[in-house]
Every structure is written in structure tokens, then in C-alpha cells.
Protein backbone atom coordinates (compact mmCIF):
# COMPACT_ATOMS: atom_id res chain seq x y z
CA MET A 1 0.18 0.04 -0.10
CA LYS A 2 1.24 3.63 -0.85
CA THR A 3 0.26 6.73 0.70
CA PHE A 4 -0.18 9.47 -1.45
CA ASP A 5 -0.34 13.30 -1.12
CA PHE A 6 -3.14 15.07 -1.00
CA ASN A 7 -3.50 16.49 -4.43
CA LEU A 8 -7.01 17.36 -6.01
CA ASP A 9 -8.00 17.22 -9.47
CA LYS A 10 -10.40 19.77 -9.55
CA VAL A 11 -11.89 18.71 -12.84
CA ASN A 12 -12.41 15.47 -11.97
CA LEU A 13 -12.62 15.65 -8.07
CA GLU A 14 -10.16 13.28 -7.55
CA ILE A 15 -7.58 12.94 -5.05
CA PHE A 16 -5.10 10.03 -6.25
CA PRO A 17 -3.14 9.80 -8.96
CA ASN A 18 -4.75 9.03 -12.50
CA ASP A 19 -3.58 5.64 -12.48
CA ILE A 20 -5.60 4.83 -9.33
CA TRP A 21 -8.85 6.51 -9.94
CA GLN A 22 -9.17 5.42 -13.53
CA ASP A 23 -9.29 1.85 -12.63
CA TYR A 24 -12.49 0.71 -12.80
CA ASN A 25 -11.93 -1.53 -9.95
CA VAL A 26 -10.82 0.79 -7.48
CA VAL A 27 -13.56 2.48 -4.86
CA PHE A 28 -12.57 4.65 -1.94
CA HIS A 29 -13.40 5.02 1.81
CA GLY A 30 -12.86 7.98 3.73
CA THR A 31 -12.82 8.03 8.03
CA SER A 32 -10.31 8.92 10.53
CA GLU A 33 -6.38 8.24 10.74
CA TYR A 34 -7.69 7.05 14.23
CA TYR A 35 -9.01 3.84 12.75
CA SER A 36 -6.03 3.47 10.45
CA LYS A 37 -3.68 0.75 12.69
CA LYS A 38 -6.77 -1.88 12.69
CA ILE A 39 -8.22 -1.06 9.20
CA GLU A 40 -4.72 -1.93 7.74
CA LYS A 41 -4.19 -5.07 9.53
CA ASN A 42 -7.56 -6.56 9.25
CA GLY A 43 -9.21 -4.88 6.40
CA PHE A 44 -12.76 -3.95 6.20
CA ILE A 45 -15.30 -5.98 8.16
CA PRO A 46 -18.91 -5.63 7.61
CA ALA A 47 -21.34 -5.00 10.36
CA THR A 48 -18.35 -4.08 13.27
CA ALA A 49 -19.28 -1.69 15.47
CA PRO A 50 -16.20 1.14 16.29
CA PHE A 51 -16.99 1.16 19.84
CA ASP A 52 -18.57 -1.20 22.49
CA LEU A 53 -22.20 -1.49 21.74
CA ASN A 54 -22.99 -1.82 25.77
CA ASP A 55 -21.64 1.84 25.69
CA ALA A 56 -23.91 2.89 23.20
CA ILE A 57 -27.00 1.07 24.69
CA GLU A 58 -26.19 3.07 27.61
CA LEU A 59 -26.07 6.47 25.68
CA VAL A 60 -29.39 5.90 24.05
CA ARG A 61 -30.82 4.83 27.22
CA VAL A 62 -29.58 8.53 28.87
CA LEU A 63 -30.69 10.65 25.70
CA GLN A 64 -34.26 8.92 26.70
CA LEU A 65 -33.99 10.44 30.14
CA PRO A 66 -36.76 12.78 30.90
CA GLU A 67 -34.27 15.55 31.85
CA ILE A 68 -32.76 15.00 28.19
CA ILE A 69 -34.96 13.97 25.87
CA HIS A 70 -36.38 17.06 24.59
CA PHE A 71 -33.35 18.49 23.55
CA ASP A 72 -32.66 15.87 21.50
CA GLN A 73 -34.45 17.08 17.84
CA SER A 74 -35.90 15.03 15.19
CA ASN A 75 -34.04 15.58 11.73
CA THR A 76 -36.01 15.82 8.52
CA LEU A 77 -36.83 12.19 8.18
CA GLY A 78 -38.47 12.25 11.87
CA MET A 79 -35.12 10.64 13.37
CA THR A 80 -33.56 11.79 16.63
CA VAL A 81 -30.25 11.02 17.64
CA SER A 82 -30.95 8.24 20.04
CA SER A 83 -33.82 6.55 17.55
CA SER A 84 -30.58 6.65 14.89
CA LEU A 85 -28.42 5.34 17.17
CA ASN A 86 -30.45 3.00 18.20
CA SER A 87 -31.38 1.62 14.63
CA TYR A 88 -27.49 1.30 14.17
CA ILE A 89 -27.38 -0.58 16.95
CA CYS A 90 -30.08 -3.16 16.07
CA GLY A 91 -28.10 -3.13 12.28
CA ILE A 92 -25.27 -4.31 14.09
CA GLN A 93 -26.97 -6.95 16.42
CA SER A 94 -28.65 -8.42 13.12
CA ASN A 95 -25.51 -8.13 11.09
CA TYR A 96 -27.21 -6.47 8.61
CA LEU A 97 -25.01 -3.42 8.20
CA ARG A 98 -22.86 -3.26 4.93
CA LEU A 99 -19.61 -1.56 4.15
CA SER A 100 -19.82 1.59 2.05
CA PHE A 101 -17.43 3.04 -0.59
CA ALA A 102 -17.39 5.85 -3.11
CA TYR A 103 -16.61 5.64 -6.47
CA LEU A 104 -15.53 9.21 -6.55
CA SER A 105 -12.27 9.73 -4.38
CA TYR A 106 -13.34 13.45 -3.39
CA GLN A 107 -16.84 12.37 -2.16
CA CYS A 108 -14.82 10.16 1.07
CA VAL A 109 -13.87 13.65 1.81
CA PHE A 110 -16.94 14.25 3.50
CA PHE A 111 -16.31 11.39 6.11
CA SER A 112 -12.93 12.38 6.56
CA ALA A 113 -12.83 15.77 7.85
CA GLY A 114 -15.37 18.26 9.54
CA HIS A 115 -18.63 16.86 11.82
CA SER A 116 -18.69 13.72 9.79
CA LYS A 117 -14.87 12.38 10.46
CA GLY A 118 -15.19 8.94 11.62
CA GLY A 119 -18.39 8.16 9.56
CA GLN A 120 -22.37 8.66 10.32
CA THR A 121 -21.91 6.31 13.54
CA LEU A 122 -19.25 8.78 14.97
CA GLY A 123 -21.94 11.68 14.06
CA TYR A 124 -24.28 10.44 16.27
CA ILE A 125 -22.08 10.41 19.43
CA ARG A 126 -20.60 13.88 18.31
CA LYS A 127 -24.28 15.21 18.14
CA ALA A 128 -25.08 13.11 21.61
CA LYS A 129 -22.41 15.03 23.10
CA SER A 130 -23.74 18.54 21.84
CA ILE A 131 -27.18 17.71 23.06
CA ILE A 132 -25.78 16.21 26.51
CA GLN A 133 -23.80 19.31 26.87
CA LEU A 134 -26.65 21.46 26.18
CA ALA A 135 -28.84 19.85 29.37
CA ILE A 136 -26.19 20.39 31.62
CA GLN A 137 -25.92 23.97 30.75
CA VAL A 138 -29.61 24.54 31.68
CA ASN A 139 -29.31 22.00 34.70
CA GLN A 140 -26.03 21.23 36.27
CA ALA A 141 -27.89 17.87 37.97
CA VAL A 142 -27.47 16.20 34.50
CA GLN A 143 -24.04 15.97 34.69
CA GLU A 144 -24.12 13.35 37.49
CA ILE A 145 -26.18 11.21 34.65
CA ILE A 146 -23.09 11.19 32.77
CA SER A 147 -21.62 7.31 33.38
CA GLU A 148 -18.29 6.21 32.52
CA PRO A 149 -19.71 4.38 29.43
CA ILE A 150 -20.50 7.31 27.88
CA LYS A 151 -17.64 9.08 28.83
CA ARG A 152 -15.85 6.53 27.22
CA LEU A 153 -17.75 7.11 23.88
CA PHE A 154 -17.28 10.86 24.13
CA ASP A 155 -13.26 10.08 24.67
CA LEU A 156 -13.51 8.18 21.30
CA GLU A 157 -14.97 11.05 19.55
CA THR A 158 -12.60 13.44 20.62
CA ASN A 159 -9.91 11.43 19.75
CA VAL A 160 -11.39 10.45 16.51
CA ALA A 161 -11.77 13.85 15.55
CA ASN A 162 -8.35 15.16 16.51
CA ALA A 163 -6.99 12.70 14.08
CA ASN A 164 -6.41 13.29 10.61
CA GLY A 165 -8.84 12.25 7.80
CA VAL A 166 -7.89 9.61 5.64
CA VAL A 167 -9.09 8.14 2.50
CA TYR A 168 -8.33 4.82 1.36
CA ALA A 169 -8.24 3.15 -2.38
CA VAL A 170 -9.53 -0.16 -2.40
CA LYS A 171 -9.35 -2.43 -5.36
CA LEU A 172 -12.13 -4.47 -5.91
CA GLU A 173 -12.29 -8.32 -7.62
CA ALA A 174 -14.35 -10.15 -10.10
CA PRO A 175 -16.97 -11.83 -9.69
CA TYR A 176 -17.76 -9.29 -7.20
CA ASN A 177 -19.74 -11.45 -5.01
CA GLY A 178 -21.37 -9.61 -2.02
CA ILE A 179 -21.08 -6.33 -3.68
CA LYS A 180 -23.91 -4.10 -4.92
CA GLU A 181 -24.28 -0.52 -6.31
CA GLU A 182 -27.27 1.73 -4.79
CA ASN A 183 -28.22 5.38 -5.04
CA GLY A 184 -24.50 6.00 -5.93
CA ILE A 185 -23.06 4.02 -3.28
CA ILE A 186 -21.10 1.07 -3.51
CA HIS A 187 -21.82 -1.53 -0.64
CA SER A 188 -20.33 -4.83 0.12
CA LYS A 189 -21.74 -7.28 2.34
CA VAL A 190 -18.36 -9.20 2.69
CA SER A 191 -15.34 -8.67 4.22
CA ILE A 192 -12.40 -6.88 2.23
CA SER A 193 -9.00 -7.41 2.56
CA ALA A 194 -6.06 -5.43 3.68
CA ASN A 195 -4.08 -6.62 0.71
CA ASN A 196 -6.87 -5.01 -1.91
CA ILE A 197 -5.88 -1.58 -0.30
CA ILE A 198 -3.62 -0.41 -2.74
CA GLY A 199 -3.27 3.28 -1.23
CA LYS A 200 -4.27 6.09 0.89
CA VAL A 201 -4.59 10.00 0.85
CA ILE A 202 -3.94 11.40 4.58
CA LEU A 203 -5.62 15.01 4.26
CA PRO A 204 -4.33 18.02 5.38
CA ASN A 205 -6.02 19.76 8.45
CA ASP A 206 -6.95 22.85 6.58
CA ILE A 207 -8.84 21.37 3.92
CA ASN A 208 -11.77 23.65 2.42
CA LEU A 209 -14.93 21.42 2.63
CA ASN A 210 -16.92 24.26 0.92
CA GLU A 211 -15.04 24.30 -2.70
CA PHE A 212 -17.65 21.68 -3.77
CA THR A 213 -21.21 21.56 -2.87
CA LYS A 214 -21.92 18.24 -1.76
CA GLN A 215 -24.52 18.11 -4.33
CA ALA A 216 -21.87 19.06 -6.99
CA VAL A 217 -19.50 16.29 -6.05
CA LYS A 218 -22.50 13.38 -5.70
CA GLN A 219 -23.13 14.67 -9.64
CA LYS A 220 -20.06 13.80 -10.44
CA ASN A 221 -19.74 10.21 -8.52
CA HIS A 222 -23.07 9.66 -10.65
CA GLN A 223 -21.12 10.37 -13.94
CA LYS A 224 -18.13 8.41 -13.13
CA LEU A 225 -20.45 5.49 -12.12
CA VAL A 226 -22.45 5.63 -15.04
CA GLN A 227 -19.50 5.66 -17.35
CA THR A 228 -19.24 3.01 -19.94
CA GLY A 229 -16.91 0.10 -18.60
CA TYR A 230 -17.19 1.30 -15.06
CA LEU A 231 -18.08 -0.77 -11.85
CA GLY A 232 -21.36 0.59 -11.60
CA ILE A 233 -22.41 -0.59 -14.68
CA ILE A 234 -21.17 -3.84 -14.08
CA LEU A 235 -22.72 -4.05 -11.01
CA ASN A 236 -26.28 -2.63 -12.16
CA ARG A 237 -26.07 -5.55 -14.90
CA MET A 238 -25.39 -8.44 -12.20
CA LYS A 239 -28.22 -6.86 -10.25
CA LEU A 240 -30.62 -6.87 -13.41
CA ASN A 241 -29.52 -10.60 -14.06
CA ASP A 242 -30.40 -11.65 -10.66
CA ASP A 243 -33.62 -9.90 -11.28
CA ASP A 244 -34.54 -11.79 -14.18
CA GLU A 245 -33.58 -15.16 -12.37
CA ARG A 246 -36.01 -14.81 -9.18
């Protein structure tokens, strides 16, 4: 595995050298460098939580206490932080959750920097921390409710946030068993070996997340997916064939 300098191609929205991102078998995954040692040793394993699930269960319980629950606002989908985190826990326990990869390397930057560093799950922890901090400002007695499991989660979030962001380039292999493309995201329900990681880019701390909108990046990712010969086309053909056989 090679480490490459961050070098943004502003036309193609890629951060790896051409021979990496132009390989239609290569997908990308963004996270915090806090997880790098484990990833580079074990590869990517689906339905694996980045924290102790018992700690997360305790956090959900506390978020639903009368002193705190009214600070946990619903998002546009009607999901609160506690309900989102609980849904994630259930997904892990049922072995349902899959690995997610982008086809455009720059799209991973949004999961490797800023408020989403470390992925959506750590985002729940990050938001929960803000909710509880707000509840403590209103009622200092809430401080006594914060148990050691919750403190461990909040310490983890801090460590993840303080580490550099990193984007991995991962080479998939035919026949792509367990791998699908849905809504512009490459999902894998099977483990991917560390040997499939062919490169990484460590992001600079001062990266500008506002240089391109998420919508513009999403559109660029879609354009790459539908180009003839690229992995998105192959996976969609496989999906159509599977549907025809049912």
C-alpha cells in the first residue's frame, strides 16, 4: 500500500493519481486516521461497531431520560439522535449493516473531515455530546447522570476528531460477490482484505470542505458510475440478471 500526497484534481474531483482512480475496479473509503492501524491490519469488516455496543446502549438510554429527551430534536426524516443510534445498534446486532464505498475519491473527503469525520455513526456520538452538553448548561444535575460508558464514547469521539482524515483506495475483484451499487454508493456485505487496499491519502487539517457542494460532488460521482465499462455499469448488469433469475 502506498501513501500519496493530497493533490486535488479540480476537474475530475479526484485526490489520487490517475492510474488509481481511472481503474474501474477501485473504490474509496474515507474515515479518521484513528482507525488506520486496525483497517490496515484487518481490512474492512461489515457489521463491526467502532465502539462497545453496551456503551452505545447506555447512551441511548440516557438520551431518552426526561431531563435530556427534549433536547434531542428530530431530523427531516423524523429521526432523533437516540433513535438513529438505536437503529444502528439493531443493525449491528442483526448483522445487517454493510460496508460503504464511494466511486469518486473526493466524495470520501466529507466522511474524513469536519463534523462527519469517522463516518455517520461517530456523527451520532458527536451530536449526542452536544445534546448532553446543552442539557447540562440548563441543569447541572444532569452531569451526575453521565456514566463511564458514555465518557468512553465521548473520549473516542474526541480522539477520532483530533486525528487526521484519511481516504483509502480499495481494489475490488471480480466476480464481485456480495457487492452492489445503490444510489451511487458501492456496498459490500462481505469482508474486504487489507491486501485489497492499494493506497491512501492523508488529508490536510486545513482542507476546505466548502470548495465544492455535496450536491456537485454527488453528481460527479454519478457521472463516473455510469461511464461505459465502469464498475457501476457492471454491478447494475449483475443486479438486472439477478432480478431476471428470480
